[in-house]
């Protein structure tokens, strides 16, 4: 019997629908719950009204005349208001164009009838279950060269402070010492200074998830209500730069051993938050 159940495709981040979206091969899309055999070799125009297409924010999506498909189209806006606030404002008017609008911004969700709560999460260490997490180093900090948002600036401030104090803080990332795999900056370390780009309720990212999956105690500045999503007993929660500095100074094996049992206990929960597109697909299906 042919599979006629609704399928869920995701337009990859950064991929544009273009002028003739119906001609986009379905093989170019992500299929977080699997691509049905009935859609093999087909195009976006071949999706049915029972299927779903999820897209990331795009300015043209608020006004374009057609999405090139009969599928129900949903948008997910998972970045913080500081980055995607303009899309949230536009969606207060354009939300009727979409089946669902996925976001973790609850004031926004309360303003529209078809909003669905979806925290960001994600992971940049997909190989986490096979990693050697033997601890041979003490504290890391991963940073890019960006200085646009509060968290960007705080990361660089902590680096400057640690260097001026002569503290052993291994700084990695595009802004400092590049690495081949992100896990190189986490798995061998007892602690990592994890600073989100902003402090916004319900907003947490791979920065935190990856540390937990690598069994690296996060010295964490970010989501002010992170306890809603994971037990924080295995983390060191910081609200200020002074909190981060104090945690870095105190980081030693005794502190690590105190925190690591609780950290290991939340790995499964962290893994749940790691796959954004699976959760998004389940959300539009109402699972």
C-alpha atoms as a PDB file:
ATOM      1  CA  UNK A   1       0.000   0.000   0.000  1.00  0.00           C
ATOM      2  CA  UNK A   2       1.324   3.444  -0.905  1.00  0.00           C
ATOM      3  CA  UNK A   3       2.342   5.746   1.933  1.00  0.00           C
ATOM      4  CA  UNK A   4      -0.034   8.713   1.861  1.00  0.00           C
ATOM      5  CA  UNK A   5       0.695  10.104   5.330  1.00  0.00           C
ATOM      6  CA  UNK A   6       1.850  13.705   5.593  1.00  0.00           C
ATOM      7  CA  UNK A   7       5.587  14.268   5.258  1.00  0.00           C
ATOM      8  CA  UNK A   8       7.655  17.113   6.700  1.00  0.00           C
ATOM      9  CA  UNK A   9      10.443  18.797   4.739  1.00  0.00           C
ATOM     10  CA  UNK A  10      12.684  21.642   5.868  1.00  0.00           C
ATOM     11  CA  UNK A  11      14.128  24.218   3.505  1.00  0.00           C
ATOM     12  CA  UNK A  12      17.806  24.297   4.579  1.00  0.00           C
ATOM     13  CA  UNK A  13      19.014  27.419   6.329  1.00  0.00           C
ATOM     14  CA  UNK A  14      20.251  29.929   3.764  1.00  0.00           C
ATOM     15  CA  UNK A  15      18.595  28.226   0.778  1.00  0.00           C
ATOM     16  CA  UNK A  16      16.279  30.571  -1.118  1.00  0.00           C
ATOM     17  CA  UNK A  17      12.955  29.644  -2.687  1.00  0.00           C
ATOM     18  CA  UNK A  18      13.774  31.757  -5.730  1.00  0.00           C
ATOM     19  CA  UNK A  19      11.422  32.787  -8.524  1.00  0.00           C
ATOM     20  CA  UNK A  20      10.212  29.274  -9.350  1.00  0.00           C
ATOM     21  CA  UNK A  21      10.111  27.463  -6.008  1.00  0.00           C
ATOM     22  CA  UNK A  22       7.968  24.658  -7.378  1.00  0.00           C
ATOM     23  CA  UNK A  23      10.985  23.397  -9.339  1.00  0.00           C
ATOM     24  CA  UNK A  24      13.178  22.871  -6.267  1.00  0.00           C
ATOM     25  CA  UNK A  25      14.093  19.159  -6.124  1.00  0.00           C
ATOM     26  CA  UNK A  26      12.864  17.514  -2.937  1.00  0.00           C
ATOM     27  CA  UNK A  27      16.309  15.945  -2.669  1.00  0.00           C
ATOM     28  CA  UNK A  28      17.597  19.456  -1.852  1.00  0.00           C
ATOM     29  CA  UNK A  29      15.452  19.616   1.292  1.00  0.00           C
ATOM     30  CA  UNK A  30      16.027  18.181   4.757  1.00  0.00           C
ATOM     31  CA  UNK A  31      13.719  15.385   5.889  1.00  0.00           C
ATOM     32  CA  UNK A  32      14.013  15.166   9.689  1.00  0.00           C
ATOM     33  CA  UNK A  33      11.430  12.372   9.960  1.00  0.00           C
ATOM     34  CA  UNK A  34      12.385  10.706   6.686  1.00  0.00           C
ATOM     35  CA  UNK A  35      11.394  11.196   3.043  1.00  0.00           C
ATOM     36  CA  UNK A  36       8.536   8.938   1.879  1.00  0.00           C
ATOM     37  CA  UNK A  37       9.168   6.762  -1.156  1.00  0.00           C
ATOM     38  CA  UNK A  38       6.225   8.435  -2.933  1.00  0.00           C
ATOM     39  CA  UNK A  39       8.252  11.662  -3.059  1.00  0.00           C
ATOM     40  CA  UNK A  40      11.479  10.229  -4.447  1.00  0.00           C
ATOM     41  CA  UNK A  41      12.625  12.139  -7.527  1.00  0.00           C
ATOM     42  CA  UNK A  42       9.890  14.736  -7.114  1.00  0.00           C
ATOM     43  CA  UNK A  43       9.832  18.524  -6.775  1.00  0.00           C
ATOM     44  CA  UNK A  44       8.427  21.042  -4.327  1.00  0.00           C
ATOM     45  CA  UNK A  45       5.309  21.415  -6.479  1.00  0.00           C
ATOM     46  CA  UNK A  46       4.587  17.716  -5.933  1.00  0.00           C
ATOM     47  CA  UNK A  47       4.030  17.999  -2.184  1.00  0.00           C
ATOM     48  CA  UNK A  48       0.365  17.562  -1.287  1.00  0.00           C
ATOM     49  CA  UNK A  49      -1.912  19.502   1.025  1.00  0.00           C
ATOM     50  CA  UNK A  50      -1.224  16.850   3.670  1.00  0.00           C
ATOM     51  CA  UNK A  51       2.524  17.548   3.600  1.00  0.00           C
ATOM     52  CA  UNK A  52       4.464  20.244   5.402  1.00  0.00           C
ATOM     53  CA  UNK A  53       7.284  22.595   4.473  1.00  0.00           C
ATOM     54  CA  UNK A  54       9.182  24.380   7.241  1.00  0.00           C
ATOM     55  CA  UNK A  55      11.333  27.366   6.415  1.00  0.00           C
ATOM     56  CA  UNK A  56      13.694  29.646   8.289  1.00  0.00           C
ATOM     57  CA  UNK A  57      13.046  33.417   8.274  1.00  0.00           C
ATOM     58  CA  UNK A  58      13.279  35.182   4.931  1.00  0.00           C
ATOM     59  CA  UNK A  59      12.097  38.696   4.173  1.00  0.00           C
ATOM     60  CA  UNK A  60      10.386  37.673   0.937  1.00  0.00           C
ATOM     61  CA  UNK A  61       8.345  35.002   2.726  1.00  0.00           C
ATOM     62  CA  UNK A  62       6.149  37.683   4.291  1.00  0.00           C
ATOM     63  CA  UNK A  63       5.025  39.017   0.899  1.00  0.00           C
ATOM     64  CA  UNK A  64       5.788  36.514  -1.877  1.00  0.00           C
ATOM     65  CA  UNK A  65       2.716  35.554  -3.953  1.00  0.00           C
ATOM     66  CA  UNK A  66       3.375  31.814  -3.813  1.00  0.00           C
ATOM     67  CA  UNK A  67       5.535  29.221  -2.086  1.00  0.00           C
ATOM     68  CA  UNK A  68       5.307  26.946  -5.128  1.00  0.00           C
ATOM     69  CA  UNK A  69       3.652  24.105  -3.235  1.00  0.00           C
ATOM     70  CA  UNK A  70       0.311  22.856  -1.965  1.00  0.00           C
ATOM     71  CA  UNK A  71       1.969  21.820   1.286  1.00  0.00           C
ATOM     72  CA  UNK A  72       1.260  23.620   4.535  1.00  0.00           C
ATOM     73  CA  UNK A  73       4.104  26.075   5.058  1.00  0.00           C
ATOM     74  CA  UNK A  74       5.399  26.968   8.528  1.00  0.00           C
ATOM     75  CA  UNK A  75       8.137  29.358   9.580  1.00  0.00           C
ATOM     76  CA  UNK A  76      10.478  28.915  12.525  1.00  0.00           C
ATOM     77  CA  UNK A  77      12.091  31.969  14.082  1.00  0.00           C
ATOM     78  CA  UNK A  78      14.499  30.565  16.635  1.00  0.00           C
ATOM     79  CA  UNK A  79      17.175  33.243  16.898  1.00  0.00           C
ATOM     80  CA  UNK A  80      16.829  35.897  19.638  1.00  0.00           C
ATOM     81  CA  UNK A  81      14.864  39.098  19.254  1.00  0.00           C
ATOM     82  CA  UNK A  82      18.116  41.041  18.890  1.00  0.00           C
ATOM     83  CA  UNK A  83      18.705  39.261  15.569  1.00  0.00           C
ATOM     84  CA  UNK A  84      15.244  38.361  14.273  1.00  0.00           C
ATOM     85  CA  UNK A  85      13.024  40.925  15.964  1.00  0.00           C
ATOM     86  CA  UNK A  86      12.090  42.387  12.573  1.00  0.00           C
ATOM     87  CA  UNK A  87      10.687  39.023  11.488  1.00  0.00           C
ATOM     88  CA  UNK A  88       8.675  38.700  14.685  1.00  0.00           C
ATOM     89  CA  UNK A  89       7.172  42.142  14.052  1.00  0.00           C
ATOM     90  CA  UNK A  90       6.348  41.292  10.433  1.00  0.00           C
ATOM     91  CA  UNK A  91       4.803  37.988  11.496  1.00  0.00           C
ATOM     92  CA  UNK A  92       2.314  39.786  13.712  1.00  0.00           C
ATOM     93  CA  UNK A  93       0.775  40.817  10.386  1.00  0.00           C
ATOM     94  CA  UNK A  94       1.841  37.983   8.064  1.00  0.00           C
ATOM     95  CA  UNK A  95       1.259  34.982  10.360  1.00  0.00           C
ATOM     96  CA  UNK A  96      -1.916  34.046   8.463  1.00  0.00           C
ATOM     97  CA  UNK A  97       0.257  33.066   5.494  1.00  0.00           C
ATOM     98  CA  UNK A  98       1.668  30.195   7.543  1.00  0.00           C
ATOM     99  CA  UNK A  99       0.301  26.989   8.999  1.00  0.00           C
ATOM    100  CA  UNK A 100       2.375  27.412  12.172  1.00  0.00           C
ATOM    101  CA  UNK A 101       4.937  29.913  13.404  1.00  0.00           C
ATOM    102  CA  UNK A 102       7.560  28.342  15.665  1.00  0.00           C
ATOM    103  CA  UNK A 103       9.450  30.434  18.204  1.00  0.00           C
ATOM    104  CA  UNK A 104      10.618  30.504  21.819  1.00  0.00           C
ATOM    105  CA  UNK A 105       9.551  34.142  22.255  1.00  0.00           C
ATOM    106  CA  UNK A 106       6.430  33.790  24.395  1.00  0.00           C
ATOM    107  CA  UNK A 107       5.228  37.428  24.239  1.00  0.00           C
ATOM    108  CA  UNK A 108       5.264  37.093  20.450  1.00  0.00           C
ATOM    109  CA  UNK A 109       3.523  33.702  20.526  1.00  0.00           C
ATOM    110  CA  UNK A 110       0.792  35.152  22.732  1.00  0.00           C
ATOM    111  CA  UNK A 111       0.147  37.797  20.070  1.00  0.00           C
ATOM    112  CA  UNK A 112      -0.710  35.372  17.246  1.00  0.00           C
ATOM    113  CA  UNK A 113      -3.215  32.477  17.033  1.00  0.00           C
ATOM    114  CA  UNK A 114      -0.989  29.910  15.297  1.00  0.00           C
ATOM    115  CA  UNK A 115       2.219  30.140  17.310  1.00  0.00           C
ATOM    116  CA  UNK A 116       3.969  27.053  18.681  1.00  0.00           C
ATOM    117  CA  UNK A 117       6.666  27.084  21.352  1.00  0.00           C
ATOM    118  CA  UNK A 118      10.019  25.830  20.039  1.00  0.00           C
ATOM    119  CA  UNK A 119      13.352  26.481  21.813  1.00  0.00           C
ATOM    120  CA  UNK A 120      16.490  26.620  19.674  1.00  0.00           C
ATOM    121  CA  UNK A 121      19.017  24.227  21.216  1.00  0.00           C
ATOM    122  CA  UNK A 122      20.899  22.356  18.426  1.00  0.00           C
ATOM    123  CA  UNK A 123      24.392  20.821  18.488  1.00  0.00           C
ATOM    124  CA  UNK A 124      27.670  21.288  16.649  1.00  0.00           C
ATOM    125  CA  UNK A 125      29.111  18.025  17.972  1.00  0.00           C
ATOM    126  CA  UNK A 126      27.006  15.376  16.200  1.00  0.00           C
ATOM    127  CA  UNK A 127      29.657  12.774  17.073  1.00  0.00           C
ATOM    128  CA  UNK A 128      29.136  13.344  20.808  1.00  0.00           C
ATOM    129  CA  UNK A 129      28.109   9.769  21.637  1.00  0.00           C
ATOM    130  CA  UNK A 130      31.441   8.435  20.319  1.00  0.00           C
ATOM    131  CA  UNK A 131      33.732  11.040  21.901  1.00  0.00           C
ATOM    132  CA  UNK A 132      36.540  10.338  24.330  1.00  0.00           C
ATOM    133  CA  UNK A 133      35.697  12.735  27.150  1.00  0.00           C
ATOM    134  CA  UNK A 134      38.721  11.941  29.316  1.00  0.00           C
ATOM    135  CA  UNK A 135      39.664  15.208  30.994  1.00  0.00           C
ATOM    136  CA  UNK A 136      43.256  16.330  30.438  1.00  0.00           C
ATOM    137  CA  UNK A 137      42.784  20.129  30.414  1.00  0.00           C
ATOM    138  CA  UNK A 138      41.069  22.554  32.777  1.00  0.00           C
ATOM    139  CA  UNK A 139      39.153  25.520  31.279  1.00  0.00           C
ATOM    140  CA  UNK A 140      38.337  26.516  27.692  1.00  0.00           C
ATOM    141  CA  UNK A 141      36.481  29.387  26.068  1.00  0.00           C
ATOM    142  CA  UNK A 142      35.295  29.310  22.456  1.00  0.00           C
ATOM    143  CA  UNK A 143      34.790  32.635  20.684  1.00  0.00           C
ATOM    144  CA  UNK A 144      34.475  34.105  17.221  1.00  0.00           C
ATOM    145  CA  UNK A 145      35.756  37.554  16.305  1.00  0.00           C
ATOM    146  CA  UNK A 146      32.259  39.107  16.482  1.00  0.00           C
ATOM    147  CA  UNK A 147      31.567  42.034  18.807  1.00  0.00           C
ATOM    148  CA  UNK A 148      27.976  42.900  17.862  1.00  0.00           C
ATOM    149  CA  UNK A 149      25.972  41.621  20.835  1.00  0.00           C
ATOM    150  CA  UNK A 150      26.373  41.682  24.605  1.00  0.00           C
ATOM    151  CA  UNK A 151      27.585  38.098  24.770  1.00  0.00           C
ATOM    152  CA  UNK A 152      30.153  38.646  22.019  1.00  0.00           C
ATOM    153  CA  UNK A 153      31.662  41.523  23.982  1.00  0.00           C
ATOM    154  CA  UNK A 154      31.589  39.623  27.267  1.00  0.00           C
ATOM    155  CA  UNK A 155      33.558  36.727  25.776  1.00  0.00           C
ATOM    156  CA  UNK A 156      36.342  39.037  24.649  1.00  0.00           C
ATOM    157  CA  UNK A 157      36.286  40.850  27.990  1.00  0.00           C
ATOM    158  CA  UNK A 158      36.756  37.545  29.833  1.00  0.00           C
ATOM    159  CA  UNK A 159      39.653  36.619  27.555  1.00  0.00           C
ATOM    160  CA  UNK A 160      41.344  39.966  28.184  1.00  0.00           C
ATOM    161  CA  UNK A 161      40.777  39.638  31.930  1.00  0.00           C
ATOM    162  CA  UNK A 162      42.165  36.075  32.083  1.00  0.00           C
ATOM    163  CA  UNK A 163      45.246  37.049  30.093  1.00  0.00           C
ATOM    164  CA  UNK A 164      45.895  40.071  32.313  1.00  0.00           C
ATOM    165  CA  UNK A 165      45.587  37.851  35.393  1.00  0.00           C
ATOM    166  CA  UNK A 166      47.858  35.171  33.958  1.00  0.00           C
ATOM    167  CA  UNK A 167      45.154  32.515  34.291  1.00  0.00           C
ATOM    168  CA  UNK A 168      45.235  29.266  32.330  1.00  0.00           C
ATOM    169  CA  UNK A 169      42.266  29.738  30.016  1.00  0.00           C
ATOM    170  CA  UNK A 170      42.532  28.008  26.630  1.00  0.00           C
ATOM    171  CA  UNK A 171      40.841  30.302  24.107  1.00  0.00           C
ATOM    172  CA  UNK A 172      39.718  28.767  20.819  1.00  0.00           C
ATOM    173  CA  UNK A 173      37.522  29.514  17.840  1.00  0.00           C
ATOM    174  CA  UNK A 174      37.641  31.673  14.718  1.00  0.00           C
ATOM    175  CA  UNK A 175      38.543  34.738  16.741  1.00  0.00           C
ATOM    176  CA  UNK A 176      41.567  33.081  18.342  1.00  0.00           C
ATOM    177  CA  UNK A 177      42.906  29.539  17.804  1.00  0.00           C
ATOM    178  CA  UNK A 178      40.873  27.690  15.145  1.00  0.00           C
ATOM    179  CA  UNK A 179      40.101  23.998  15.617  1.00  0.00           C
ATOM    180  CA  UNK A 180      39.091  21.191  13.269  1.00  0.00           C
ATOM    181  CA  UNK A 181      36.154  20.002  15.362  1.00  0.00           C
ATOM    182  CA  UNK A 182      34.285  21.912  18.027  1.00  0.00           C
ATOM    183  CA  UNK A 183      34.605  18.943  20.364  1.00  0.00           C
ATOM    184  CA  UNK A 184      38.367  19.618  20.454  1.00  0.00           C
ATOM    185  CA  UNK A 185      37.569  22.695  22.521  1.00  0.00           C
ATOM    186  CA  UNK A 186      35.247  20.856  24.888  1.00  0.00           C
ATOM    187  CA  UNK A 187      35.772  17.114  25.326  1.00  0.00           C
ATOM    188  CA  UNK A 188      39.265  17.249  26.961  1.00  0.00           C
ATOM    189  CA  UNK A 189      38.220  20.061  29.335  1.00  0.00           C
ATOM    190  CA  UNK A 190      36.754  19.919  32.822  1.00  0.00           C
ATOM    191  CA  UNK A 191      35.126  23.332  32.354  1.00  0.00           C
ATOM    192  CA  UNK A 192      34.229  25.679  29.523  1.00  0.00           C
ATOM    193  CA  UNK A 193      33.130  29.295  29.730  1.00  0.00           C
ATOM    194  CA  UNK A 194      29.838  29.203  27.820  1.00  0.00           C
ATOM    195  CA  UNK A 195      28.453  32.638  26.982  1.00  0.00           C
ATOM    196  CA  UNK A 196      25.353  32.983  24.810  1.00  0.00           C
ATOM    197  CA  UNK A 197      25.146  35.928  22.430  1.00  0.00           C
ATOM    198  CA  UNK A 198      22.320  37.412  24.525  1.00  0.00           C
ATOM    199  CA  UNK A 199      20.437  36.775  27.760  1.00  0.00           C
ATOM    200  CA  UNK A 200      16.862  36.131  26.664  1.00  0.00           C
ATOM    201  CA  UNK A 201      14.222  33.904  28.308  1.00  0.00           C
ATOM    202  CA  UNK A 202      13.915  30.477  26.651  1.00  0.00           C
ATOM    203  CA  UNK A 203      16.921  31.116  24.380  1.00  0.00           C
ATOM    204  CA  UNK A 204      19.770  28.635  24.641  1.00  0.00           C
ATOM    205  CA  UNK A 205      21.955  27.190  21.915  1.00  0.00           C
ATOM    206  CA  UNK A 206      24.520  24.598  20.949  1.00  0.00           C
ATOM    207  CA  UNK A 207      26.990  26.530  23.093  1.00  0.00           C
ATOM    208  CA  UNK A 208      25.406  25.015  26.196  1.00  0.00           C
ATOM    209  CA  UNK A 209      24.158  21.751  24.688  1.00  0.00           C
ATOM    210  CA  UNK A 210      27.597  20.844  23.322  1.00  0.00           C
ATOM    211  CA  UNK A 211      29.305  21.370  26.676  1.00  0.00           C
ATOM    212  CA  UNK A 212      26.809  19.077  28.395  1.00  0.00           C
ATOM    213  CA  UNK A 213      27.153  16.404  25.703  1.00  0.00           C
ATOM    214  CA  UNK A 214      30.949  16.547  26.135  1.00  0.00           C
ATOM    215  CA  UNK A 215      30.584  16.224  29.940  1.00  0.00           C
ATOM    216  CA  UNK A 216      32.288  19.590  30.321  1.00  0.00           C
ATOM    217  CA  UNK A 217      30.943  21.683  33.196  1.00  0.00           C
ATOM    218  CA  UNK A 218      29.513  24.903  31.704  1.00  0.00           C
ATOM    219  CA  UNK A 219      30.422  28.168  33.398  1.00  0.00           C
ATOM    220  CA  UNK A 220      27.214  29.518  31.934  1.00  0.00           C
ATOM    221  CA  UNK A 221      26.000  33.021  31.148  1.00  0.00           C
ATOM    222  CA  UNK A 222      22.853  33.068  29.083  1.00  0.00           C
ATOM    223  CA  UNK A 223      19.267  31.862  29.271  1.00  0.00           C
ATOM    224  CA  UNK A 224      17.925  33.282  32.562  1.00  0.00           C
ATOM    225  CA  UNK A 225      15.396  30.462  32.965  1.00  0.00           C
ATOM    226  CA  UNK A 226      17.512  27.552  31.750  1.00  0.00           C
ATOM    227  CA  UNK A 227      16.264  25.455  34.679  1.00  0.00           C
ATOM    228  CA  UNK A 228      12.954  25.220  32.783  1.00  0.00           C
ATOM    229  CA  UNK A 229      14.692  23.029  30.215  1.00  0.00           C
ATOM    230  CA  UNK A 230      17.426  21.166  32.109  1.00  0.00           C
ATOM    231  CA  UNK A 231      18.484  20.629  35.694  1.00  0.00           C
ATOM    232  CA  UNK A 232      21.286  23.097  36.425  1.00  0.00           C
ATOM    233  CA  UNK A 233      22.980  21.233  39.289  1.00  0.00           C
ATOM    234  CA  UNK A 234      25.824  20.249  36.964  1.00  0.00           C
ATOM    235  CA  UNK A 235      26.351  23.802  35.718  1.00  0.00           C
ATOM    236  CA  UNK A 236      27.853  26.945  37.228  1.00  0.00           C
ATOM    237  CA  UNK A 237      25.254  29.623  36.533  1.00  0.00           C
ATOM    238  CA  UNK A 238      26.523  33.192  36.110  1.00  0.00           C
ATOM    239  CA  UNK A 239      24.610  36.445  35.768  1.00  0.00           C
ATOM    240  CA  UNK A 240      27.500  38.913  35.594  1.00  0.00           C
ATOM    241  CA  UNK A 241      31.075  39.146  34.378  1.00  0.00           C
ATOM    242  CA  UNK A 242      32.166  39.024  38.011  1.00  0.00           C
ATOM    243  CA  UNK A 243      30.355  35.688  38.405  1.00  0.00           C
ATOM    244  CA  UNK A 244      32.204  34.293  35.389  1.00  0.00           C
ATOM    245  CA  UNK A 245      35.555  35.518  36.692  1.00  0.00           C
ATOM    246  CA  UNK A 246      34.942  33.986  40.114  1.00  0.00           C
ATOM    247  CA  UNK A 247      33.989  30.649  38.539  1.00  0.00           C
ATOM    248  CA  UNK A 248      37.115  30.589  36.363  1.00  0.00           C
ATOM    249  CA  UNK A 249      39.313  31.305  39.383  1.00  0.00           C
ATOM    250  CA  UNK A 250      37.660  28.522  41.383  1.00  0.00           C
ATOM    251  CA  UNK A 251      37.691  25.904  38.616  1.00  0.00           C
ATOM    252  CA  UNK A 252      39.610  22.837  39.771  1.00  0.00           C
ATOM    253  CA  UNK A 253      39.209  19.078  39.851  1.00  0.00           C
ATOM    254  CA  UNK A 254      37.351  19.089  43.172  1.00  0.00           C
ATOM    255  CA  UNK A 255      34.724  21.451  41.775  1.00  0.00           C
ATOM    256  CA  UNK A 256      34.513  19.365  38.607  1.00  0.00           C
ATOM    257  CA  UNK A 257      33.993  16.132  40.538  1.00  0.00           C
ATOM    258  CA  UNK A 258      31.225  17.813  42.527  1.00  0.00           C
ATOM    259  CA  UNK A 259      29.341  18.838  39.395  1.00  0.00           C
ATOM    260  CA  UNK A 260      29.962  16.022  36.927  1.00  0.00           C
ATOM    261  CA  UNK A 261      27.439  13.447  38.279  1.00  0.00           C
ATOM    262  CA  UNK A 262      24.567  15.904  37.794  1.00  0.00           C
ATOM    263  CA  UNK A 263      25.989  16.914  34.419  1.00  0.00           C
ATOM    264  CA  UNK A 264      26.021  13.319  33.190  1.00  0.00           C
ATOM    265  CA  UNK A 265      22.466  12.892  34.411  1.00  0.00           C
ATOM    266  CA  UNK A 266      21.181  15.533  31.970  1.00  0.00           C
ATOM    267  CA  UNK A 267      22.988  14.323  28.839  1.00  0.00           C
ATOM    268  CA  UNK A 268      19.877  12.566  27.577  1.00  0.00           C
ATOM    269  CA  UNK A 269      17.833  15.711  28.125  1.00  0.00           C
ATOM    270  CA  UNK A 270      20.468  17.800  26.336  1.00  0.00           C
ATOM    271  CA  UNK A 271      20.397  15.354  23.422  1.00  0.00           C
ATOM    272  CA  UNK A 272      16.647  15.953  23.150  1.00  0.00           C
ATOM    273  CA  UNK A 273      17.288  19.643  22.544  1.00  0.00           C
ATOM    274  CA  UNK A 274      20.097  18.919  20.066  1.00  0.00           C
ATOM    275  CA  UNK A 275      17.990  18.134  16.994  1.00  0.00           C
ATOM    276  CA  UNK A 276      16.070  21.289  16.157  1.00  0.00           C
ATOM    277  CA  UNK A 277      14.550  20.121  12.884  1.00  0.00           C
ATOM    278  CA  UNK A 278      13.172  16.888  14.347  1.00  0.00           C
ATOM    279  CA  UNK A 279      11.480  18.885  17.093  1.00  0.00           C
ATOM    280  CA  UNK A 280      10.194  21.393  14.540  1.00  0.00           C
ATOM    281  CA  UNK A 281       8.716  18.601  12.414  1.00  0.00           C
ATOM    282  CA  UNK A 282       6.999  17.100  15.439  1.00  0.00           C
ATOM    283  CA  UNK A 283       5.671  20.534  16.367  1.00  0.00           C
ATOM    284  CA  UNK A 284       3.958  21.179  13.028  1.00  0.00           C
ATOM    285  CA  UNK A 285       2.444  17.697  13.166  1.00  0.00           C
ATOM    286  CA  UNK A 286       1.136  18.418  16.640  1.00  0.00           C
ATOM    287  CA  UNK A 287       3.082  15.496  18.132  1.00  0.00           C
END
